[in-house]
Amino acid sequence: MTRRLTIALCLLALGLVALASVSVWAADHAVTTGTTTVDCDVFDGGVAAGDTLTLDGGARGKLIVRDCIGAVGNRITIRNDTADTSPVQITGSVNFPFRCENCEHVTIDGTGGWVGMPGGAYCGTDTGGTDGCGIQIASTAGAASNVAFIDGTSKFVTITGIEFDCADIAGLGLQINDHDYDGHWPAEWREGFLITENYSHNCTTGEGLYIGPNWVDGGGVDDLRLRDIEISYNYVHDTGKECIDLKSVVSGVNVIHHNVVEKCALNPAGTNSGIMIYEGYASIHHNTIINSLGNGITCWNTYVPQSVENTYGPWSCVMQNNLIIEPQLSTGMRCGSNSGGIAVTDCQMRQNTIIGAGTYGASLSSGTSWTGSTVYENIIVDSGTADILGSGATVTNNKTGTVAARNFVNAGAGNYHLTASSDAVDAGSVAGCPTDDRDGVSRPQNGGTDNDCDIGAFEFEVEDPPPESSSHVQYVRGVVQ
């Protein structure tokens, strides 16, 4: 046998072994509409790292998935059947009709579409972000019930293309936590979550996305703390409390960006926020918050002890390129801490546009030293009490006063992009200028004689006219249509 033939036969054998490995280790398991529990240890012979669970389309009852353990680069995927003629519709008269318990390195994915899906349908913040969710979850259990729960040891989970429908309950949409699982933090974390391109709505007494535990409530200090969390491109509306609530996130890189939330904090009105960081820190940027009855964005700490502050952090809340329209009963953007909490003294509010706050446009609560924090190059107008409460922060080069004075494209129709005659154009500085604006337009655009950044969430474009509205919804002041 020649050396070349020997090599060829060896390569063929290796290829056959590889194909056999794929067939064994990358199986696609069908989950029929009658299936209520998937135990990955035993279901369909066992679900291994790299496998897929494909949910049949159409209506089904509750579904519990547990003990699905993927691996780095070899995740387990739970998805809708793209060859079916309808999305997956999980509906149950139970609390949490969908649960993923002890799910690690798992992707729950409804973005694949289905046969006959409307053209251009999308799930999340893009145009028509309510009709392209391939997995739709709703509870019909009434009071004190909720829609979806990610619990147990779950970590490194991606959740995308899912609708969380609270219309028939008095609870919340998506919850990630577990008071009953007493982990051993800080050796163990709830970490590595990506929550993107989802639609949560009509959670009229609860939150749309409720991520993490209170520091001391309902299970004590053993509840797992969070790190490395990303919440992006979600569309959330009509919630009793926060539209997006991220709690006990005390380490890693945490970001909330490119979300659209509207009509948040309806019950009790004025005491909650559109987007909330409670006990922890994050970068919050490129979001649109419309008509919240509470605060627009809040970063607040109450119970985190000094020992944690000294170990974790960096305890910096950065709020940039956000558009906040009429937080009617409270503040547009707020940082603060109660007397018992750590002092999160690094609060950065930069290049935001805040319209019509009920009290303060930007507020850094009194009683805390905010030396080193900045309220920098924002447009903050038509605030009920005052545009800025700085409390020792560096307040620099903001445009305040009235909507009329800013020369927006069409404020009456909710278009807060700048015109060429706006005094915010080229009025900022190059230092600290973000690379793009709320719409992704690169900064600076050099619309004038220099190369300075524009103030506020939007950069004026010389060549291309701004869009007709500020987001995928058409907003008239006081009314979301």
Protein backbone atom coordinates (compact mmCIF):
# COMPACT_ATOMS: atom_id res chain seq x y z
CA MET A 1 0.00 0.00 0.00
CA THR A 2 1.39 3.37 -0.95
CA ARG A 3 1.98 6.10 1.61
CA ARG A 4 -0.48 8.38 -0.21
CA LEU A 5 -3.22 5.71 -0.15
CA THR A 6 -2.56 5.01 3.51
CA ILE A 7 -2.98 8.70 4.34
CA ALA A 8 -6.17 8.89 2.29
CA LEU A 9 -7.67 5.89 4.08
CA CYS A 10 -6.74 7.36 7.45
CA LEU A 11 -8.38 10.67 6.57
CA LEU A 12 -11.51 8.85 5.41
CA ALA A 13 -11.63 6.93 8.67
CA LEU A 14 -11.24 10.12 10.68
CA GLY A 15 -14.03 11.72 8.66
CA LEU A 16 -16.36 8.79 9.37
CA VAL A 17 -15.53 9.02 13.07
CA ALA A 18 -16.26 12.77 12.99
CA LEU A 19 -19.60 12.18 11.27
CA ALA A 20 -20.46 9.54 13.82
CA SER A 21 -19.56 11.97 16.60
CA VAL A 22 -21.82 14.64 15.12
CA SER A 23 -24.74 12.21 14.89
CA VAL A 24 -24.25 11.16 18.50
CA TRP A 25 -23.37 14.48 20.11
CA ALA A 26 -25.42 16.94 18.06
CA ALA A 27 -28.83 15.31 18.05
CA ASP A 28 -32.09 17.18 17.38
CA HIS A 29 -34.77 16.11 19.84
CA ALA A 30 -38.42 16.75 18.92
CA VAL A 31 -40.58 18.07 21.78
CA THR A 32 -44.22 17.40 20.89
CA THR A 33 -47.11 19.59 22.00
CA GLY A 34 -48.14 16.97 24.55
CA THR A 35 -44.78 17.07 26.33
CA THR A 36 -44.90 18.94 29.65
CA THR A 37 -41.47 18.08 31.12
CA VAL A 38 -38.08 17.68 29.51
CA ASP A 39 -35.49 16.18 31.85
CA CYS A 40 -32.34 16.55 29.79
CA ASP A 41 -30.65 13.72 31.70
CA VAL A 42 -33.10 11.16 30.29
CA PHE A 43 -35.35 12.78 27.67
CA ASP A 44 -35.20 10.99 24.32
CA GLY A 45 -32.13 9.06 25.43
CA GLY A 46 -30.48 12.12 26.98
CA VAL A 47 -29.79 15.66 25.77
CA ALA A 48 -26.07 16.33 25.54
CA ALA A 49 -23.98 19.44 25.01
CA GLY A 50 -24.44 20.63 21.44
CA ASP A 51 -27.90 19.09 21.07
CA THR A 52 -31.09 20.89 20.06
CA LEU A 53 -34.58 20.67 21.54
CA THR A 54 -37.04 21.59 18.78
CA LEU A 55 -40.51 22.54 20.03
CA ASP A 56 -43.45 21.69 17.79
CA GLY A 57 -45.42 24.75 16.72
CA GLY A 58 -48.94 25.49 17.87
CA ALA A 59 -50.68 25.63 21.23
CA ARG A 60 -49.37 23.63 24.15
CA GLY A 61 -49.66 23.63 27.94
CA LYS A 62 -46.95 24.27 30.49
CA LEU A 63 -43.38 23.22 29.72
CA ILE A 64 -40.62 22.61 32.25
CA VAL A 65 -37.07 22.06 31.00
CA ARG A 66 -34.52 21.03 33.58
CA ASP A 67 -30.93 19.91 34.00
CA CYS A 68 -29.80 20.95 30.52
CA ILE A 69 -26.03 21.37 30.78
CA GLY A 70 -24.20 22.54 27.68
CA ALA A 71 -20.61 23.71 27.48
CA VAL A 72 -18.56 26.66 26.28
CA GLY A 73 -18.78 26.62 22.48
CA ASN A 74 -21.16 23.64 22.60
CA ARG A 75 -24.45 24.98 23.86
CA ILE A 76 -27.83 23.28 24.08
CA THR A 77 -30.42 25.12 21.97
CA ILE A 78 -34.16 25.20 22.67
CA ARG A 79 -35.95 26.54 19.59
CA ASN A 80 -39.21 26.70 17.70
CA ASP A 81 -39.65 24.46 14.65
CA THR A 82 -38.94 26.67 11.64
CA ALA A 83 -40.59 24.08 9.35
CA ASP A 84 -43.89 24.41 11.20
CA THR A 85 -46.72 26.73 10.16
CA SER A 86 -47.11 28.56 13.47
CA PRO A 87 -45.03 29.76 16.40
CA VAL A 88 -44.82 27.88 19.68
CA GLN A 89 -47.63 29.03 22.00
CA ILE A 90 -47.07 27.97 25.61
CA THR A 91 -50.13 28.78 27.72
CA GLY A 92 -51.03 27.38 31.12
CA SER A 93 -53.29 28.20 34.05
CA VAL A 94 -50.28 27.85 36.36
CA ASN A 95 -47.66 30.12 37.80
CA PHE A 96 -44.72 30.16 35.38
CA PRO A 97 -46.04 27.99 32.52
CA PHE A 98 -42.45 27.94 31.18
CA ARG A 99 -39.46 27.14 33.40
CA CYS A 100 -35.85 26.41 32.61
CA GLU A 101 -34.36 24.95 35.79
CA ASN A 102 -30.63 24.24 36.10
CA CYS A 103 -29.98 25.38 32.54
CA GLU A 104 -26.33 26.14 31.85
CA HIS A 105 -24.82 27.16 28.51
CA VAL A 106 -28.29 27.07 26.96
CA THR A 107 -29.87 29.22 24.24
CA ILE A 108 -33.66 29.64 24.18
CA ASP A 109 -34.28 30.92 20.66
CA GLY A 110 -37.50 31.96 18.95
CA THR A 111 -35.90 34.04 16.21
CA GLY A 112 -35.92 31.37 13.52
CA GLY A 113 -39.37 32.18 12.17
CA TRP A 114 -41.94 29.75 10.80
CA VAL A 115 -43.63 28.91 7.52
CA GLY A 116 -46.00 31.74 6.62
CA MET A 117 -44.54 34.23 9.11
CA PRO A 118 -45.44 37.82 8.08
CA GLY A 119 -42.81 39.47 5.95
CA GLY A 120 -40.56 41.77 7.96
CA ALA A 121 -41.85 40.40 11.27
CA TYR A 122 -39.53 40.99 14.20
CA CYS A 123 -39.36 40.35 17.93
CA GLY A 124 -37.86 43.25 19.89
CA THR A 125 -37.24 46.93 19.32
CA ASP A 126 -37.25 47.10 15.53
CA THR A 127 -40.26 48.14 13.44
CA GLY A 128 -43.16 45.75 14.08
CA GLY A 129 -41.40 44.20 17.06
CA THR A 130 -44.46 42.35 18.33
CA ASP A 131 -45.26 39.83 15.61
CA GLY A 132 -42.08 37.87 14.97
CA CYS A 133 -41.60 35.99 18.25
CA GLY A 134 -41.28 32.28 17.49
CA ILE A 135 -41.94 31.28 21.10
CA GLN A 136 -44.90 32.93 22.84
CA ILE A 137 -45.56 32.35 26.54
CA ALA A 138 -48.64 33.37 28.54
CA SER A 139 -50.20 32.43 31.86
CA THR A 140 -53.94 32.38 32.47
CA ALA A 141 -53.66 31.67 36.21
CA GLY A 142 -54.87 35.11 37.29
CA ALA A 143 -53.66 36.93 40.39
CA ALA A 144 -50.14 36.45 41.73
CA SER A 145 -48.98 34.42 38.74
CA ASN A 146 -46.11 35.01 36.34
CA VAL A 147 -45.03 33.97 32.85
CA ALA A 148 -41.49 32.53 32.64
CA PHE A 149 -38.85 31.54 35.19
CA ILE A 150 -35.15 30.78 34.79
CA ASP A 151 -34.05 29.28 38.11
CA GLY A 152 -31.93 26.74 39.94
CA THR A 153 -28.25 26.88 39.01
CA SER A 154 -28.98 28.49 35.62
CA LYS A 155 -26.16 30.57 34.11
CA PHE A 156 -24.71 31.39 30.69
CA VAL A 157 -28.20 31.46 29.18
CA THR A 158 -29.27 33.39 26.06
CA ILE A 159 -32.97 34.28 25.77
CA THR A 160 -34.05 35.68 22.40
CA GLY A 161 -37.14 35.91 20.20
CA ILE A 162 -39.60 35.27 23.05
CA GLU A 163 -42.92 36.97 23.82
CA PHE A 164 -43.86 37.21 27.49
CA ASP A 165 -47.60 37.97 27.60
CA CYS A 166 -48.95 39.08 30.99
CA ALA A 167 -52.37 40.19 29.72
CA ASP A 168 -54.37 37.61 31.73
CA ILE A 169 -52.41 37.69 34.99
CA ALA A 170 -51.36 40.03 37.77
CA GLY A 171 -47.65 39.24 37.74
CA LEU A 172 -44.46 39.68 35.76
CA GLY A 173 -43.08 38.56 32.41
CA LEU A 174 -39.60 37.04 32.75
CA GLN A 175 -37.97 36.35 36.11
CA ILE A 176 -34.40 35.15 36.59
CA ASN A 177 -33.65 34.18 40.20
CA ASP A 178 -34.37 31.44 42.72
CA HIS A 179 -35.02 32.12 46.39
CA ASP A 180 -35.15 28.38 47.08
CA TYR A 181 -31.72 27.65 45.64
CA ASP A 182 -29.22 28.60 48.32
CA GLY A 183 -25.96 28.77 46.45
CA HIS A 184 -22.62 29.63 47.90
CA TRP A 185 -21.97 33.15 46.69
CA PRO A 186 -19.37 34.49 46.01
CA ALA A 187 -18.00 31.10 44.93
CA GLU A 188 -21.04 30.67 42.71
CA TRP A 189 -22.65 33.32 40.49
CA ARG A 190 -25.67 33.78 38.29
CA GLU A 191 -23.79 35.04 35.28
CA GLY A 192 -23.39 35.27 31.55
CA PHE A 193 -27.00 36.08 30.60
CA LEU A 194 -27.91 37.65 27.26
CA ILE A 195 -31.55 38.79 27.08
CA THR A 196 -32.11 40.22 23.63
CA GLU A 197 -34.81 40.80 21.00
CA ASN A 198 -37.75 39.85 23.23
CA TYR A 199 -41.22 41.32 23.69
CA SER A 200 -42.79 41.62 27.16
CA HIS A 201 -46.08 43.40 27.73
CA ASN A 202 -49.16 44.11 29.86
CA CYS A 203 -47.60 43.09 33.16
CA THR A 204 -49.88 45.58 34.86
CA THR A 205 -48.86 44.86 38.46
CA GLY A 206 -45.31 43.58 37.95
CA GLU A 207 -42.15 43.96 35.90
CA GLY A 208 -41.65 43.13 32.25
CA LEU A 209 -38.11 41.77 32.75
CA TYR A 210 -37.16 41.06 36.39
CA ILE A 211 -33.55 39.95 36.57
CA GLY A 212 -31.90 39.07 39.91
CA PRO A 213 -32.88 39.11 43.59
CA ASN A 214 -33.27 41.81 46.17
CA TRP A 215 -30.16 41.88 48.31
CA VAL A 216 -31.86 40.76 51.52
CA ASP A 217 -35.39 39.64 50.66
CA GLY A 218 -37.04 36.26 50.19
CA GLY A 219 -34.21 33.83 50.78
CA GLY A 220 -31.62 35.95 52.47
CA VAL A 221 -28.06 36.57 51.54
CA ASP A 222 -27.57 33.17 49.85
CA ASP A 223 -29.47 34.23 46.72
CA LEU A 224 -26.94 34.22 43.89
CA ARG A 225 -25.56 37.61 42.89
CA LEU A 226 -25.19 38.58 39.25
CA ARG A 227 -22.37 39.49 36.90
CA ASP A 228 -21.82 39.83 33.14
CA ILE A 229 -25.44 40.55 32.19
CA GLU A 230 -26.56 42.07 28.88
CA ILE A 231 -30.15 43.23 28.24
CA SER A 232 -30.56 44.62 24.74
CA TYR A 233 -32.99 45.27 21.87
CA ASN A 234 -36.08 44.32 23.88
CA TYR A 235 -39.49 45.96 23.57
CA VAL A 236 -41.41 46.24 26.86
CA HIS A 237 -44.60 48.16 27.56
CA ASP A 238 -47.48 48.57 30.01
CA THR A 239 -45.98 47.36 33.28
CA GLY A 240 -47.09 48.02 36.83
CA LYS A 241 -43.53 48.29 38.08
CA GLU A 242 -40.27 48.51 36.13
CA CYS A 243 -40.20 47.60 32.47
CA ILE A 244 -36.61 46.38 33.00
CA ASP A 245 -35.35 45.68 36.54
CA LEU A 246 -31.78 44.44 37.12
CA LYS A 247 -30.85 43.67 40.73
CA SER A 248 -27.80 42.63 42.76
CA VAL A 249 -25.44 42.95 39.81
CA VAL A 250 -22.16 43.61 41.58
CA SER A 251 -19.35 42.41 39.34
CA GLY A 252 -18.29 41.95 35.72
CA VAL A 253 -19.43 43.92 32.66
CA ASN A 254 -23.15 44.72 32.74
CA VAL A 255 -25.01 46.60 30.01
CA ILE A 256 -28.59 47.62 29.21
CA HIS A 257 -28.79 49.04 25.71
CA HIS A 258 -30.97 49.65 22.64
CA ASN A 259 -34.21 48.78 24.43
CA VAL A 260 -37.54 50.55 23.90
CA VAL A 261 -39.79 50.73 26.96
CA GLU A 262 -43.03 52.64 27.33
CA LYS A 263 -45.80 53.17 29.85
CA CYS A 264 -43.83 51.65 32.72
CA ALA A 265 -44.38 52.05 36.48
CA LEU A 266 -48.16 52.35 36.22
CA ASN A 267 -48.96 50.76 39.59
CA PRO A 268 -48.19 52.29 42.01
CA ALA A 269 -47.68 55.27 39.79
CA GLY A 270 -44.53 57.29 40.31
CA THR A 271 -42.63 54.93 42.63
CA ASN A 272 -40.81 52.79 40.08
CA SER A 273 -38.82 53.31 36.87
CA GLY A 274 -38.67 52.49 33.19
CA ILE A 275 -35.20 50.97 33.63
CA MET A 276 -33.84 50.22 37.09
CA ILE A 277 -30.49 49.13 38.53
CA TYR A 278 -31.12 48.19 42.16
CA GLU A 279 -28.03 47.19 44.14
CA GLY A 280 -25.21 47.26 41.62
CA TYR A 281 -23.99 49.02 38.51
CA ALA A 282 -24.21 48.93 34.72
CA SER A 283 -23.71 50.92 31.55
CA ILE A 284 -27.16 52.04 30.34
CA HIS A 285 -27.08 53.45 26.82
CA HIS A 286 -29.02 53.88 23.55
CA ASN A 287 -32.40 53.21 25.20
CA THR A 288 -35.74 54.94 24.61
CA ILE A 289 -38.04 55.39 27.61
CA ILE A 290 -41.48 56.77 26.81
CA ASN A 291 -44.23 57.92 29.15
CA SER A 292 -43.16 56.17 32.34
CA LEU A 293 -45.24 57.27 35.31
CA GLY A 294 -42.16 56.86 37.51
CA ASN A 295 -38.52 57.68 36.86
CA GLY A 296 -37.06 57.14 33.42
CA ILE A 297 -33.77 55.48 34.49
CA THR A 298 -32.65 54.85 38.07
CA CYS A 299 -29.43 53.51 39.57
CA TRP A 300 -29.99 53.00 43.30
CA ASN A 301 -28.27 51.17 46.16
CA THR A 302 -29.68 50.49 49.58
CA TYR A 303 -28.39 47.35 51.29
CA VAL A 304 -25.05 46.36 49.72
CA PRO A 305 -22.50 46.33 52.58
CA GLN A 306 -19.17 48.07 52.55
CA SER A 307 -17.34 44.72 52.49
CA VAL A 308 -18.85 44.00 49.08
CA GLU A 309 -18.03 47.46 47.77
CA ASN A 310 -14.41 46.95 48.70
CA THR A 311 -14.22 43.59 46.90
CA TYR A 312 -16.34 44.06 43.80
CA GLY A 313 -17.42 46.97 41.65
CA PRO A 314 -16.39 49.38 40.04
CA TRP A 315 -19.77 50.78 41.21
CA SER A 316 -20.13 53.11 38.27
CA CYS A 317 -23.48 53.80 36.61
CA VAL A 318 -22.96 55.31 33.16
CA MET A 319 -26.07 56.62 31.37
CA GLN A 320 -25.43 57.76 27.81
CA ASN A 321 -27.29 58.33 24.53
CA ASN A 322 -30.71 57.65 26.08
CA LEU A 323 -33.94 59.35 25.03
CA ILE A 324 -36.40 59.83 27.90
CA ILE A 325 -39.80 61.30 27.08
CA GLU A 326 -42.14 62.50 29.84
CA PRO A 327 -41.50 60.51 33.00
CA GLN A 328 -44.67 62.13 34.21
CA LEU A 329 -44.62 61.92 38.00
CA SER A 330 -40.93 61.76 38.79
CA THR A 331 -37.37 62.24 37.48
CA GLY A 332 -35.89 61.59 34.08
CA MET A 333 -32.60 60.10 35.25
CA ARG A 334 -31.59 59.41 38.83
CA CYS A 335 -28.68 58.09 40.93
CA GLY A 336 -28.89 57.60 44.67
CA SER A 337 -28.49 55.47 47.77
CA ASN A 338 -30.25 55.15 51.11
CA SER A 339 -28.36 55.83 54.32
CA GLY A 340 -27.82 52.11 54.93
CA GLY A 341 -26.37 51.41 51.49
CA ILE A 342 -22.98 51.90 49.95
CA ALA A 343 -22.24 55.22 48.32
CA VAL A 344 -22.24 54.67 44.58
CA THR A 345 -20.52 57.96 43.99
CA ASP A 346 -19.53 57.43 40.35
CA CYS A 347 -22.62 58.41 38.36
CA GLN A 348 -22.12 59.59 34.79
CA MET A 349 -25.00 61.16 32.84
CA ARG A 350 -23.77 62.04 29.35
CA GLN A 351 -25.34 62.97 26.02
CA ASN A 352 -28.93 62.13 26.93
CA THR A 353 -32.12 63.87 25.82
CA ILE A 354 -34.70 64.18 28.61
CA ILE A 355 -38.07 65.76 27.89
CA GLY A 356 -40.77 66.83 30.34
CA ALA A 357 -39.85 65.15 33.63
CA GLY A 358 -42.48 65.57 36.33
CA THR A 359 -39.91 66.75 38.90
CA TYR A 360 -36.17 66.79 38.09
CA GLY A 361 -34.73 66.05 34.66
CA ALA A 362 -31.48 64.66 36.13
CA SER A 363 -31.13 64.01 39.85
CA LEU A 364 -28.23 62.91 42.02
CA SER A 365 -29.88 62.48 45.41
CA SER A 366 -28.92 64.73 48.28
CA GLY A 367 -27.17 63.20 51.28
CA THR A 368 -24.48 61.56 49.11
CA SER A 369 -21.23 63.10 47.94
CA TRP A 370 -21.18 62.96 44.15
CA THR A 371 -17.70 64.42 43.69
CA GLY A 372 -16.29 62.89 40.52
CA SER A 373 -19.72 62.30 38.98
CA THR A 374 -20.86 64.31 35.96
CA VAL A 375 -24.01 65.62 34.34
CA TYR A 376 -22.44 66.36 30.98
CA GLU A 377 -23.72 67.68 27.64
CA ASN A 378 -27.34 66.56 28.02
CA ILE A 379 -30.49 68.19 26.67
CA ILE A 380 -32.85 68.44 29.66
CA VAL A 381 -35.96 70.55 29.09
CA ASP A 382 -39.47 71.24 30.41
CA SER A 383 -38.83 69.70 33.84
CA GLY A 384 -41.50 70.21 36.48
CA THR A 385 -39.28 71.17 39.44
CA ALA A 386 -35.80 71.81 38.03
CA ASP A 387 -33.78 70.48 35.14
CA ILE A 388 -30.79 69.32 37.22
CA LEU A 389 -30.21 68.47 40.89
CA GLY A 390 -26.45 68.00 40.92
CA SER A 391 -25.63 67.51 44.64
CA GLY A 392 -21.90 68.13 44.23
CA ALA A 393 -21.45 66.55 40.80
CA THR A 394 -19.71 68.38 37.97
CA VAL A 395 -22.54 69.85 35.89
CA THR A 396 -21.11 70.88 32.52
CA ASN A 397 -22.41 72.24 29.23
CA ASN A 398 -26.01 71.03 29.33
CA LYS A 399 -28.85 72.55 27.31
CA THR A 400 -31.78 73.22 29.63
CA GLY A 401 -34.95 75.28 29.62
CA THR A 402 -37.77 74.64 27.18
CA VAL A 403 -38.50 72.30 24.29
CA ALA A 404 -39.22 75.27 22.04
CA ALA A 405 -35.74 76.70 22.54
CA ARG A 406 -33.99 73.58 21.22
CA ASN A 407 -35.32 73.62 17.64
CA PHE A 408 -36.13 69.92 17.38
CA VAL A 409 -37.35 68.51 14.08
CA ASN A 410 -40.94 67.99 15.29
CA ALA A 411 -41.38 67.90 19.04
CA GLY A 412 -45.16 67.79 18.74
CA ALA A 413 -44.89 64.45 16.95
CA GLY A 414 -42.23 63.11 19.30
CA ASN A 415 -39.28 63.72 16.99
CA TYR A 416 -36.43 65.05 19.12
CA HIS A 417 -33.72 64.94 16.48
CA LEU A 418 -31.85 68.19 15.95
CA THR A 419 -32.29 70.66 13.13
CA ALA A 420 -29.38 72.61 11.66
CA SER A 421 -30.47 75.66 13.65
CA SER A 422 -30.49 73.91 17.02
CA ASP A 423 -28.11 75.41 19.56
CA ALA A 424 -27.09 71.85 20.53
CA VAL A 425 -25.36 71.25 17.18
CA ASP A 426 -21.54 71.37 17.49
CA ALA A 427 -21.98 72.71 21.02
CA GLY A 428 -20.32 69.73 22.72
CA SER A 429 -16.70 68.74 22.90
CA VAL A 430 -14.57 66.08 21.28
CA ALA A 431 -13.34 64.85 24.65
CA GLY A 432 -15.75 62.21 25.94
CA CYS A 433 -17.83 62.24 22.76
CA PRO A 434 -19.38 58.78 22.18
CA THR A 435 -18.66 57.05 18.88
CA ASP A 436 -22.30 57.17 17.77
CA ASP A 437 -25.72 58.52 18.78
CA ARG A 438 -29.03 56.96 19.82
CA ASP A 439 -29.73 55.93 16.21
CA GLY A 440 -26.23 54.65 15.49
CA VAL A 441 -25.17 57.77 13.56
CA SER A 442 -21.43 58.26 13.93
CA ARG A 443 -20.21 61.15 16.07
CA PRO A 444 -19.14 63.81 15.43
CA GLN A 445 -20.72 64.65 12.07
CA ASN A 446 -18.86 67.96 11.64
CA GLY A 447 -22.04 69.79 10.76
CA GLY A 448 -20.48 73.17 11.40
CA THR A 449 -17.10 74.80 11.18
CA ASP A 450 -15.44 72.59 13.77
CA ASN A 451 -15.41 68.92 14.66
CA ASP A 452 -17.29 69.03 17.93
CA CYS A 453 -19.90 66.61 19.21
CA ASP A 454 -23.57 67.60 19.37
CA ILE A 455 -25.24 67.81 22.78
CA GLY A 456 -27.94 65.29 23.62
CA ALA A 457 -28.82 61.79 22.41
CA PHE A 458 -28.89 62.66 18.68
CA GLU A 459 -26.19 63.88 16.32
CA PHE A 460 -27.34 66.19 13.53
CA GLU A 461 -26.76 64.66 10.09
CA VAL A 462 -25.91 67.11 7.32
CA GLU A 463 -26.79 64.88 4.38
CA ASP A 464 -29.51 62.53 5.58
CA PRO A 465 -32.77 63.85 7.07
CA PRO A 466 -33.73 62.41 10.46
CA PRO A 467 -36.51 59.82 10.66
CA GLU A 468 -40.08 60.90 11.21
CA SER A 469 -40.30 59.57 14.76
CA SER A 470 -37.86 58.91 17.57
CA SER A 471 -38.48 55.15 17.76
CA HIS A 472 -40.65 52.45 16.27
CA VAL A 473 -43.70 53.96 17.98
CA GLN A 474 -45.24 57.24 16.87
CA TYR A 475 -45.35 59.38 19.97
CA VAL A 476 -47.49 62.46 20.46
CA ARG A 477 -46.80 64.23 23.72
CA GLY A 478 -48.83 62.51 26.44
CA VAL A 479 -50.11 59.74 24.17
CA VAL A 480 -48.47 56.60 22.82
CA GLN A 481 -50.30 55.45 19.71
